């Protein structure tokens, strides 16, 4: 499950405003390069058709799915605290519940198998 934790006003490339919902996944334990564990949560945003008032009323709503790492075109990310430039080729995105399993099952072209039709078998009534 993911939870709507906030909303944000964003702009499209052509300057139109829209409201994005910020989704947060569940607790995740990660391990640092030094080997220490720490607790974290992953967040992502998705566009919505809501106005800001409606979007704010969605805060706290739970939605089936998860926040998962998804591949994307490489881009640079600047750490605001340190100024460090990091090269990334993934982002965190919302994945609906069951989508990962469906992708694994239906990946590639579906295989069509022809089954020969059999004549029905009828049982004779017993007397």
Protein backbone atom coordinates (compact mmCIF):
# COMPACT_ATOMS: atom_id res chain seq x y z
CA UNK A 1 0.00 0.00 0.00
CA UNK A 2 1.04 3.56 -0.63
CA UNK A 3 -0.24 6.62 1.18
CA UNK A 4 -0.93 10.07 -0.23
CA UNK A 5 1.22 12.27 2.03
CA UNK A 6 1.06 15.66 0.31
CA UNK A 7 0.31 17.47 -2.92
CA UNK A 8 2.32 19.92 -5.00
CA UNK A 9 1.56 22.44 -7.75
CA UNK A 10 3.69 21.66 -10.82
CA UNK A 11 3.97 23.12 -14.31
CA UNK A 12 4.04 21.41 -17.68
CA UNK A 13 6.68 22.33 -20.27
CA UNK A 14 4.17 24.65 -21.91
CA UNK A 15 3.51 26.47 -18.61
CA UNK A 16 0.14 24.99 -17.58
CA UNK A 17 -0.27 24.24 -13.85
CA UNK A 18 -1.47 20.93 -12.44
CA UNK A 19 -1.60 19.25 -9.06
CA UNK A 20 0.62 16.24 -8.34
CA UNK A 21 0.00 13.80 -5.50
CA UNK A 22 3.03 12.74 -3.48
CA UNK A 23 2.86 9.03 -2.66
CA UNK A 24 4.87 7.29 0.05
CA UNK A 25 5.58 3.57 0.21
CA UNK A 26 5.98 1.47 3.32
CA UNK A 27 8.95 1.15 5.63
CA UNK A 28 12.08 -0.16 3.94
CA UNK A 29 15.30 -1.18 5.66
CA UNK A 30 18.41 -0.33 3.64
CA UNK A 31 22.08 -1.00 4.27
CA UNK A 32 24.70 1.71 3.98
CA UNK A 33 28.06 1.22 2.25
CA UNK A 34 29.55 0.88 5.76
CA UNK A 35 27.18 -2.04 6.45
CA UNK A 36 24.84 -0.24 8.85
CA UNK A 37 21.08 -0.58 8.48
CA UNK A 38 18.73 2.38 8.43
CA UNK A 39 15.00 2.86 7.96
CA UNK A 40 13.71 4.78 4.97
CA UNK A 41 10.62 5.22 2.82
CA UNK A 42 10.43 5.81 -0.91
CA UNK A 43 8.33 8.61 -2.34
CA UNK A 44 7.16 9.49 -5.82
CA UNK A 45 4.73 11.89 -7.41
CA UNK A 46 1.95 11.30 -9.90
CA UNK A 47 -0.05 13.90 -11.83
CA UNK A 48 -3.73 14.33 -11.01
CA UNK A 49 -6.80 16.01 -12.46
CA UNK A 50 -7.69 17.42 -9.02
CA UNK A 51 -7.77 21.02 -7.94
CA UNK A 52 -5.62 21.83 -4.91
CA UNK A 53 -8.52 21.62 -2.42
CA UNK A 54 -9.52 18.14 -3.65
CA UNK A 55 -5.88 16.98 -3.69
CA UNK A 56 -5.38 18.11 -0.09
CA UNK A 57 -8.50 16.16 0.93
CA UNK A 58 -6.81 13.01 -0.48
CA UNK A 59 -3.94 13.22 2.03
CA UNK A 60 -4.02 10.10 4.19
CA UNK A 61 -5.76 7.96 1.54
CA UNK A 62 -4.24 4.51 1.03
CA UNK A 63 -3.91 3.10 -2.49
CA UNK A 64 -3.07 -0.53 -3.40
CA UNK A 65 0.40 -0.67 -4.94
CA UNK A 66 3.99 0.22 -4.15
CA UNK A 67 6.76 2.69 -4.92
CA UNK A 68 9.45 0.90 -6.92
CA UNK A 69 12.64 1.73 -8.76
CA UNK A 70 12.01 2.02 -12.51
CA UNK A 71 14.55 2.51 -15.30
CA UNK A 72 14.61 5.78 -17.22
CA UNK A 73 16.87 7.84 -19.46
CA UNK A 74 20.07 8.88 -17.62
CA UNK A 75 19.96 12.30 -15.93
CA UNK A 76 21.97 14.37 -13.44
CA UNK A 77 20.71 15.04 -9.91
CA UNK A 78 22.21 17.80 -7.76
CA UNK A 79 22.27 17.17 -4.01
CA UNK A 80 20.94 20.45 -2.55
CA UNK A 81 22.91 20.05 0.70
CA UNK A 82 26.34 19.21 -0.75
CA UNK A 83 26.14 20.42 -4.35
CA UNK A 84 27.32 16.98 -5.48
CA UNK A 85 26.18 15.97 -8.98
CA UNK A 86 24.96 12.37 -9.18
CA UNK A 87 24.33 10.55 -12.47
CA UNK A 88 21.18 8.39 -12.28
CA UNK A 89 19.37 6.07 -14.69
CA UNK A 90 16.35 5.27 -12.53
CA UNK A 91 13.52 6.98 -10.69
CA UNK A 92 11.01 5.97 -8.06
CA UNK A 93 7.54 5.44 -9.49
CA UNK A 94 4.13 4.15 -8.49
CA UNK A 95 3.37 0.56 -9.53
CA UNK A 96 -0.24 -0.61 -9.11
CA UNK A 97 -0.83 -3.74 -7.04
CA UNK A 98 -0.30 -6.87 -9.15
CA UNK A 99 1.36 -5.03 -12.05
CA UNK A 100 4.79 -6.54 -11.40
CA UNK A 101 3.42 -10.08 -11.51
CA UNK A 102 1.39 -9.33 -14.64
CA UNK A 103 4.44 -7.89 -16.38
CA UNK A 104 6.40 -11.05 -15.63
CA UNK A 105 3.60 -13.29 -16.88
CA UNK A 106 2.73 -11.30 -20.00
CA UNK A 107 6.21 -10.11 -20.98
CA UNK A 108 6.85 -10.39 -24.72
CA UNK A 109 4.44 -11.62 -27.36
CA UNK A 110 1.67 -13.92 -26.18
CA UNK A 111 1.97 -17.49 -27.39
CA UNK A 112 -1.13 -18.83 -29.13
CA UNK A 113 -1.68 -22.57 -28.97
CA UNK A 114 -4.32 -24.29 -31.03
CA UNK A 115 -6.24 -26.99 -29.22
CA UNK A 116 -7.98 -29.68 -31.23
CA UNK A 117 -11.67 -29.79 -30.43
CA UNK A 118 -12.97 -33.07 -29.07
CA UNK A 119 -16.46 -34.41 -29.42
CA UNK A 120 -18.33 -34.21 -26.14
CA UNK A 121 -18.63 -37.38 -24.14
CA UNK A 122 -22.15 -38.18 -23.08
CA UNK A 123 -22.92 -40.51 -20.26
CA UNK A 124 -25.57 -43.10 -20.91
CA UNK A 125 -28.25 -43.13 -18.24
CA UNK A 126 -28.13 -46.17 -16.01
CA UNK A 127 -31.32 -48.04 -15.41
